[in-house]
Amino acid sequence: MSTLEAVFFKANGEAKGKIPLPETIFAGNGSRHTLHEIVVSLQANQRRGTSMTKTRGLVTGGGHKPWKQKGTGNARAGSIRSPLWRKGGIIFGPKPRSYRTDLGEKKRLLALQTALVEKARASEIAVIESFPDFEGKTRNAEQLLKKTGLTGRTLIIFDKKDDAMARALKNISHVNLADIRGLNAWLVLSAKQMIFSQTALKNLADKFPKGK
């Protein structure tokens, strides 16, 4: 049974004690090996893979032999674009490629669970009844965060995309937004503090199999 708890805030930012975290997520220990595997995969998927160098066949010039084969005292040379020459081609250089790796949904959920459990054990998860209407104003969002006392890199997780909320928070440099559909282990680990809306936490817990 999960004994992990999180600080609970009213919609106005006032502390309201603590609440137990859902057992479907926080009762287990997760898997650090899977967490590492997923984070490496997520980072690899961000790589553009567009690096490229030119081989001797792609470098301009070098279409004729720079000197005759014998009799000059120089080493044999067939082209001034040989990889042995300055401004020549590159041997075994990078070519455009995809670094993408696709890992199963089970592993993604297990990694997310592991990251969330680690955050909960470090007391870096909070829950709010619901986010108030910021009216798209950064000032209102800052006042709420100041009232909750959350500092450092903060990840705010809500249930559904809210354009007004995103507009209010986008100018706060240390705050990131995510909905439960886009939440992943890398986002969780990169945040110092996390705050869930109560609805988002409940709906996220429903994504995890019961009794695990």
C-alpha atoms as a PDB file:
ATOM      1  CA  MET A   1       0.000   0.000   0.000  1.00  0.00           C
ATOM      2  CA  SER A   2       1.249   3.487  -0.864  1.00  0.00           C
ATOM      3  CA  THR A   3       2.098   5.659   2.127  1.00  0.00           C
ATOM      4  CA  LEU A   4       3.394   8.491  -0.025  1.00  0.00           C
ATOM      5  CA  GLU A   5       1.674  11.835   0.380  1.00  0.00           C
ATOM      6  CA  ALA A   6       1.790  15.234  -1.303  1.00  0.00           C
ATOM      7  CA  VAL A   7       1.099  18.732  -0.119  1.00  0.00           C
ATOM      8  CA  PHE A   8      -2.439  19.760  -1.041  1.00  0.00           C
ATOM      9  CA  PHE A   9      -3.382  23.333  -1.991  1.00  0.00           C
ATOM     10  CA  LYS A  10      -6.707  25.065  -2.371  1.00  0.00           C
ATOM     11  CA  ALA A  11      -7.436  26.719  -5.714  1.00  0.00           C
ATOM     12  CA  ASN A  12      -6.281  30.051  -4.255  1.00  0.00           C
ATOM     13  CA  GLY A  13      -2.867  28.621  -3.340  1.00  0.00           C
ATOM     14  CA  GLU A  14      -3.411  28.160   0.400  1.00  0.00           C
ATOM     15  CA  ALA A  15      -2.036  24.941   1.914  1.00  0.00           C
ATOM     16  CA  LYS A  16      -4.701  22.472   2.984  1.00  0.00           C
ATOM     17  CA  GLY A  17      -2.608  19.710   4.541  1.00  0.00           C
ATOM     18  CA  LYS A  18      -1.579  16.549   2.717  1.00  0.00           C
ATOM     19  CA  ILE A  19      -3.358  13.907   0.659  1.00  0.00           C
ATOM     20  CA  PRO A  20      -2.331  10.321  -0.139  1.00  0.00           C
ATOM     21  CA  LEU A  21      -1.078   9.717  -3.657  1.00  0.00           C
ATOM     22  CA  PRO A  22      -2.841   7.130  -5.873  1.00  0.00           C
ATOM     23  CA  GLU A  23      -1.704   3.566  -5.210  1.00  0.00           C
ATOM     24  CA  THR A  24      -1.871   2.587  -8.880  1.00  0.00           C
ATOM     25  CA  ILE A  25       1.164   4.805  -9.448  1.00  0.00           C
ATOM     26  CA  PHE A  26       2.899   5.214  -6.115  1.00  0.00           C
ATOM     27  CA  ALA A  27       2.527   1.806  -4.421  1.00  0.00           C
ATOM     28  CA  GLY A  28       5.328   0.194  -6.430  1.00  0.00           C
ATOM     29  CA  ASN A  29       9.043   0.887  -6.739  1.00  0.00           C
ATOM     30  CA  GLY A  30       9.230   0.969 -10.539  1.00  0.00           C
ATOM     31  CA  SER A  31      12.391   0.056 -12.412  1.00  0.00           C
ATOM     32  CA  ARG A  32      15.448   2.287 -12.602  1.00  0.00           C
ATOM     33  CA  HIS A  33      16.841   0.240 -15.477  1.00  0.00           C
ATOM     34  CA  THR A  34      13.704   0.887 -17.530  1.00  0.00           C
ATOM     35  CA  LEU A  35      13.764   4.554 -16.496  1.00  0.00           C
ATOM     36  CA  HIS A  36      17.303   4.906 -17.846  1.00  0.00           C
ATOM     37  CA  GLU A  37      16.382   3.084 -21.056  1.00  0.00           C
ATOM     38  CA  ILE A  38      13.388   5.349 -21.691  1.00  0.00           C
ATOM     39  CA  VAL A  39      15.194   8.611 -20.891  1.00  0.00           C
ATOM     40  CA  VAL A  40      18.033   7.697 -23.285  1.00  0.00           C
ATOM     41  CA  SER A  41      15.418   6.857 -25.918  1.00  0.00           C
ATOM     42  CA  LEU A  42      13.558  10.145 -25.425  1.00  0.00           C
ATOM     43  CA  GLN A  43      16.790  12.117 -25.698  1.00  0.00           C
ATOM     44  CA  ALA A  44      17.839  10.197 -28.816  1.00  0.00           C
ATOM     45  CA  ASN A  45      14.478  10.979 -30.419  1.00  0.00           C
ATOM     46  CA  GLN A  46      15.259  14.690 -30.096  1.00  0.00           C
ATOM     47  CA  ARG A  47      18.391  14.378 -32.239  1.00  0.00           C
ATOM     48  CA  ARG A  48      17.974  15.785 -35.730  1.00  0.00           C
ATOM     49  CA  GLY A  49      20.527  13.465 -37.313  1.00  0.00           C
ATOM     50  CA  THR A  50      21.350  15.934 -40.103  1.00  0.00           C
ATOM     51  CA  SER A  51      25.162  16.004 -39.721  1.00  0.00           C
ATOM     52  CA  MET A  52      27.010  15.175 -42.905  1.00  0.00           C
ATOM     53  CA  THR A  53      30.513  15.434 -44.358  1.00  0.00           C
ATOM     54  CA  LYS A  54      31.581  15.129 -47.989  1.00  0.00           C
ATOM     55  CA  THR A  55      33.424  12.121 -49.312  1.00  0.00           C
ATOM     56  CA  ARG A  56      36.113  12.519 -51.971  1.00  0.00           C
ATOM     57  CA  GLY A  57      33.437  11.968 -54.592  1.00  0.00           C
ATOM     58  CA  LEU A  58      31.371  14.910 -53.327  1.00  0.00           C
ATOM     59  CA  VAL A  59      34.126  17.500 -52.902  1.00  0.00           C
ATOM     60  CA  THR A  60      34.388  19.910 -55.837  1.00  0.00           C
ATOM     61  CA  GLY A  61      37.507  19.625 -57.953  1.00  0.00           C
ATOM     62  CA  GLY A  62      40.176  16.963 -58.102  1.00  0.00           C
ATOM     63  CA  GLY A  63      39.138  15.719 -61.503  1.00  0.00           C
ATOM     64  CA  HIS A  64      42.667  15.285 -62.809  1.00  0.00           C
ATOM     65  CA  LYS A  65      45.880  13.729 -61.521  1.00  0.00           C
ATOM     66  CA  PRO A  66      48.032  16.465 -59.905  1.00  0.00           C
ATOM     67  CA  TRP A  67      51.289  15.094 -61.339  1.00  0.00           C
ATOM     68  CA  LYS A  68      52.465  12.110 -63.285  1.00  0.00           C
ATOM     69  CA  GLN A  69      52.770   8.776 -61.564  1.00  0.00           C
ATOM     70  CA  LYS A  70      56.551   8.466 -61.702  1.00  0.00           C
ATOM     71  CA  GLY A  71      59.650  10.540 -62.028  1.00  0.00           C
ATOM     72  CA  THR A  72      58.753  13.562 -59.865  1.00  0.00           C
ATOM     73  CA  GLY A  73      60.073  12.266 -56.554  1.00  0.00           C
ATOM     74  CA  ASN A  74      56.691  12.911 -54.980  1.00  0.00           C
ATOM     75  CA  ALA A  75      54.427  10.249 -53.538  1.00  0.00           C
ATOM     76  CA  ARG A  76      51.828   8.852 -55.908  1.00  0.00           C
ATOM     77  CA  ALA A  77      48.647  10.962 -55.971  1.00  0.00           C
ATOM     78  CA  GLY A  78      45.494  10.508 -57.991  1.00  0.00           C
ATOM     79  CA  SER A  79      43.480  13.521 -56.858  1.00  0.00           C
ATOM     80  CA  ILE A  80      43.904  16.694 -54.824  1.00  0.00           C
ATOM     81  CA  ARG A  81      40.601  15.765 -53.095  1.00  0.00           C
ATOM     82  CA  SER A  82      42.004  12.584 -51.569  1.00  0.00           C
ATOM     83  CA  PRO A  83      41.207  12.301 -47.838  1.00  0.00           C
ATOM     84  CA  LEU A  84      44.968  12.527 -47.250  1.00  0.00           C
ATOM     85  CA  TRP A  85      45.038  16.065 -48.620  1.00  0.00           C
ATOM     86  CA  ARG A  86      43.977  19.318 -47.020  1.00  0.00           C
ATOM     87  CA  LYS A  87      40.457  20.212 -48.242  1.00  0.00           C
ATOM     88  CA  GLY A  88      40.032  16.634 -49.372  1.00  0.00           C
ATOM     89  CA  GLY A  89      37.086  14.354 -48.664  1.00  0.00           C
ATOM     90  CA  ILE A  90      36.330  12.798 -45.299  1.00  0.00           C
ATOM     91  CA  ILE A  91      36.597   9.068 -44.662  1.00  0.00           C
ATOM     92  CA  PHE A  92      33.710   7.482 -42.726  1.00  0.00           C
ATOM     93  CA  GLY A  93      32.221  10.837 -41.774  1.00  0.00           C
ATOM     94  CA  PRO A  94      28.664  11.232 -40.435  1.00  0.00           C
ATOM     95  CA  LYS A  95      25.727  10.909 -42.803  1.00  0.00           C
ATOM     96  CA  PRO A  96      22.078  11.892 -42.268  1.00  0.00           C
ATOM     97  CA  ARG A  97      20.376   9.244 -40.175  1.00  0.00           C
ATOM     98  CA  SER A  98      17.578   8.753 -37.689  1.00  0.00           C
ATOM     99  CA  TYR A  99      18.443   8.101 -34.055  1.00  0.00           C
ATOM    100  CA  ARG A 100      14.838   7.313 -33.199  1.00  0.00           C
ATOM    101  CA  THR A 101      14.023   4.292 -31.081  1.00  0.00           C
ATOM    102  CA  ASP A 102      10.463   3.275 -30.300  1.00  0.00           C
ATOM    103  CA  LEU A 103       9.862   1.584 -26.968  1.00  0.00           C
ATOM    104  CA  GLY A 104       6.573   0.020 -25.916  1.00  0.00           C
ATOM    105  CA  GLU A 105       3.831   1.696 -23.933  1.00  0.00           C
ATOM    106  CA  LYS A 106       4.399  -0.667 -21.002  1.00  0.00           C
ATOM    107  CA  LYS A 107       7.986   0.469 -20.641  1.00  0.00           C
ATOM    108  CA  ARG A 108       7.017   4.126 -20.990  1.00  0.00           C
ATOM    109  CA  LEU A 109       4.445   3.817 -18.199  1.00  0.00           C
ATOM    110  CA  LEU A 110       6.892   1.925 -15.982  1.00  0.00           C
ATOM    111  CA  ALA A 111       9.548   4.597 -16.498  1.00  0.00           C
ATOM    112  CA  LEU A 112       7.031   7.356 -15.785  1.00  0.00           C
ATOM    113  CA  GLN A 113       5.924   5.561 -12.629  1.00  0.00           C
ATOM    114  CA  THR A 114       9.542   5.202 -11.468  1.00  0.00           C
ATOM    115  CA  ALA A 115      10.238   8.900 -12.020  1.00  0.00           C
ATOM    116  CA  LEU A 116       7.052   9.928 -10.200  1.00  0.00           C
ATOM    117  CA  VAL A 117       7.801   7.667  -7.236  1.00  0.00           C
ATOM    118  CA  GLU A 118      11.284   9.175  -6.928  1.00  0.00           C
ATOM    119  CA  LYS A 119       9.785  12.661  -6.979  1.00  0.00           C
ATOM    120  CA  ALA A 120       7.199  11.737  -4.354  1.00  0.00           C
ATOM    121  CA  ARG A 121       9.848  10.261  -2.059  1.00  0.00           C
ATOM    122  CA  ALA A 122      11.806  13.499  -2.366  1.00  0.00           C
ATOM    123  CA  SER A 123       8.647  15.498  -1.476  1.00  0.00           C
ATOM    124  CA  GLU A 124       8.760  17.256  -4.830  1.00  0.00           C
ATOM    125  CA  ILE A 125       5.124  16.639  -5.820  1.00  0.00           C
ATOM    126  CA  ALA A 126       2.197  18.873  -4.875  1.00  0.00           C
ATOM    127  CA  VAL A 127      -1.498  18.768  -5.760  1.00  0.00           C
ATOM    128  CA  ILE A 128      -3.922  21.660  -6.185  1.00  0.00           C
ATOM    129  CA  GLU A 129      -7.722  21.410  -6.136  1.00  0.00           C
ATOM    130  CA  SER A 130      -7.916  23.150  -9.494  1.00  0.00           C
ATOM    131  CA  PHE A 131      -6.062  25.899 -11.249  1.00  0.00           C
ATOM    132  CA  PRO A 132      -7.923  29.216 -11.100  1.00  0.00           C
ATOM    133  CA  ASP A 133      -8.667  31.322 -14.140  1.00  0.00           C
ATOM    134  CA  PHE A 134      -5.518  33.375 -14.648  1.00  0.00           C
ATOM    135  CA  GLU A 135      -7.312  35.431 -17.326  1.00  0.00           C
ATOM    136  CA  GLY A 136      -4.208  34.991 -19.458  1.00  0.00           C
ATOM    137  CA  LYS A 137      -2.203  37.261 -17.120  1.00  0.00           C
ATOM    138  CA  THR A 138       1.278  36.324 -15.995  1.00  0.00           C
ATOM    139  CA  ARG A 139       0.890  38.431 -12.849  1.00  0.00           C
ATOM    140  CA  ASN A 140      -1.991  36.252 -11.633  1.00  0.00           C
ATOM    141  CA  ALA A 141      -0.010  33.066 -12.254  1.00  0.00           C
ATOM    142  CA  GLU A 142       3.027  34.427 -10.413  1.00  0.00           C
ATOM    143  CA  GLN A 143       0.902  35.347  -7.408  1.00  0.00           C
ATOM    144  CA  LEU A 144      -0.460  31.804  -7.162  1.00  0.00           C
ATOM    145  CA  LEU A 145       3.010  30.229  -7.422  1.00  0.00           C
ATOM    146  CA  LYS A 146       4.361  32.624  -4.809  1.00  0.00           C
ATOM    147  CA  LYS A 147       1.544  31.675  -2.470  1.00  0.00           C
ATOM    148  CA  THR A 148       2.243  27.960  -2.841  1.00  0.00           C
ATOM    149  CA  GLY A 149       5.941  28.527  -2.155  1.00  0.00           C
ATOM    150  CA  LEU A 150       7.055  26.453  -5.147  1.00  0.00           C
ATOM    151  CA  THR A 151      10.501  27.526  -6.338  1.00  0.00           C
ATOM    152  CA  GLY A 152      13.011  26.378  -8.927  1.00  0.00           C
ATOM    153  CA  ARG A 153      12.111  24.530 -12.117  1.00  0.00           C
ATOM    154  CA  THR A 154       8.405  23.809 -11.767  1.00  0.00           C
ATOM    155  CA  LEU A 155       6.368  21.474 -13.946  1.00  0.00           C
ATOM    156  CA  ILE A 156       2.623  22.142 -13.944  1.00  0.00           C
ATOM    157  CA  ILE A 157       0.483  19.203 -15.046  1.00  0.00           C
ATOM    158  CA  PHE A 158      -3.131  19.725 -16.062  1.00  0.00           C
ATOM    159  CA  ASP A 159      -5.780  17.485 -17.557  1.00  0.00           C
ATOM    160  CA  LYS A 160      -6.515  19.232 -20.850  1.00  0.00           C
ATOM    161  CA  LYS A 161      -4.823  21.945 -22.854  1.00  0.00           C
ATOM    162  CA  ASP A 162      -5.786  25.418 -21.685  1.00  0.00           C
ATOM    163  CA  ASP A 163      -4.642  28.243 -23.971  1.00  0.00           C
ATOM    164  CA  ALA A 164      -5.366  30.996 -21.420  1.00  0.00           C
ATOM    165  CA  MET A 165      -3.338  29.169 -18.791  1.00  0.00           C
ATOM    166  CA  ALA A 166      -0.469  28.576 -21.195  1.00  0.00           C
ATOM    167  CA  ARG A 167      -0.479  32.257 -22.122  1.00  0.00           C
ATOM    168  CA  ALA A 168      -0.299  33.273 -18.467  1.00  0.00           C
ATOM    169  CA  LEU A 169       2.604  30.932 -17.678  1.00  0.00           C
ATOM    170  CA  LYS A 170       4.733  31.104 -20.818  1.00  0.00           C
ATOM    171  CA  ASN A 171       6.667  34.185 -19.666  1.00  0.00           C
ATOM    172  CA  ILE A 172       7.734  32.613 -16.362  1.00  0.00           C
ATOM    173  CA  SER A 173      11.150  31.216 -17.199  1.00  0.00           C
ATOM    174  CA  HIS A 174      11.298  28.468 -14.571  1.00  0.00           C
ATOM    175  CA  VAL A 175       7.822  27.042 -15.301  1.00  0.00           C
ATOM    176  CA  ASN A 176       6.903  24.363 -17.845  1.00  0.00           C
ATOM    177  CA  LEU A 177       3.449  23.055 -18.732  1.00  0.00           C
ATOM    178  CA  ALA A 178       2.352  19.544 -19.656  1.00  0.00           C
ATOM    179  CA  ASP A 179      -0.921  17.708 -19.939  1.00  0.00           C
ATOM    180  CA  ILE A 180      -1.199  14.078 -18.886  1.00  0.00           C
ATOM    181  CA  ARG A 181      -1.062  12.881 -22.505  1.00  0.00           C
ATOM    182  CA  GLY A 182       2.339  14.469 -23.055  1.00  0.00           C
ATOM    183  CA  LEU A 183       3.853  13.666 -19.668  1.00  0.00           C
ATOM    184  CA  ASN A 184       6.954  11.473 -19.769  1.00  0.00           C
ATOM    185  CA  ALA A 185       9.793  10.404 -17.490  1.00  0.00           C
ATOM    186  CA  TRP A 186      12.259  12.924 -18.921  1.00  0.00           C
ATOM    187  CA  LEU A 187       9.934  15.871 -18.220  1.00  0.00           C
ATOM    188  CA  VAL A 188       9.414  14.635 -14.664  1.00  0.00           C
ATOM    189  CA  LEU A 189      13.124  14.257 -13.935  1.00  0.00           C
ATOM    190  CA  SER A 190      14.019  17.642 -15.426  1.00  0.00           C
ATOM    191  CA  ALA A 191      11.716  19.467 -12.978  1.00  0.00           C
ATOM    192  CA  LYS A 192      12.615  20.392  -9.425  1.00  0.00           C
ATOM    193  CA  GLN A 193       8.984  20.662  -8.318  1.00  0.00           C
ATOM    194  CA  MET A 194       5.743  19.325  -9.796  1.00  0.00           C
ATOM    195  CA  ILE A 195       2.191  20.407  -9.180  1.00  0.00           C
ATOM    196  CA  PHE A 196      -0.802  18.427 -10.435  1.00  0.00           C
ATOM    197  CA  SER A 197      -4.368  19.538 -10.657  1.00  0.00           C
ATOM    198  CA  GLN A 198      -6.476  17.050  -8.708  1.00  0.00           C
ATOM    199  CA  THR A 199      -8.325  15.996 -11.860  1.00  0.00           C
ATOM    200  CA  ALA A 200      -5.078  15.481 -13.792  1.00  0.00           C
ATOM    201  CA  LEU A 201      -3.630  13.255 -11.063  1.00  0.00           C
ATOM    202  CA  LYS A 202      -6.794  11.136 -10.934  1.00  0.00           C
ATOM    203  CA  ASN A 203      -6.946  10.717 -14.710  1.00  0.00           C
ATOM    204  CA  LEU A 204      -3.230   9.923 -14.871  1.00  0.00           C
ATOM    205  CA  ALA A 205      -3.686   7.220 -12.237  1.00  0.00           C
ATOM    206  CA  ASP A 206      -6.428   5.658 -14.396  1.00  0.00           C
ATOM    207  CA  LYS A 207      -3.868   5.084 -17.169  1.00  0.00           C
ATOM    208  CA  PHE A 208      -1.934   2.672 -14.964  1.00  0.00           C
ATOM    209  CA  PRO A 209      -3.044  -0.940 -14.483  1.00  0.00           C
ATOM    210  CA  LYS A 210      -4.524  -1.644 -11.072  1.00  0.00           C
ATOM    211  CA  GLY A 211      -2.882  -4.091  -8.711  1.00  0.00           C
ATOM    212  CA  LYS A 212       0.607  -3.556 -10.067  1.00  0.00           C
END
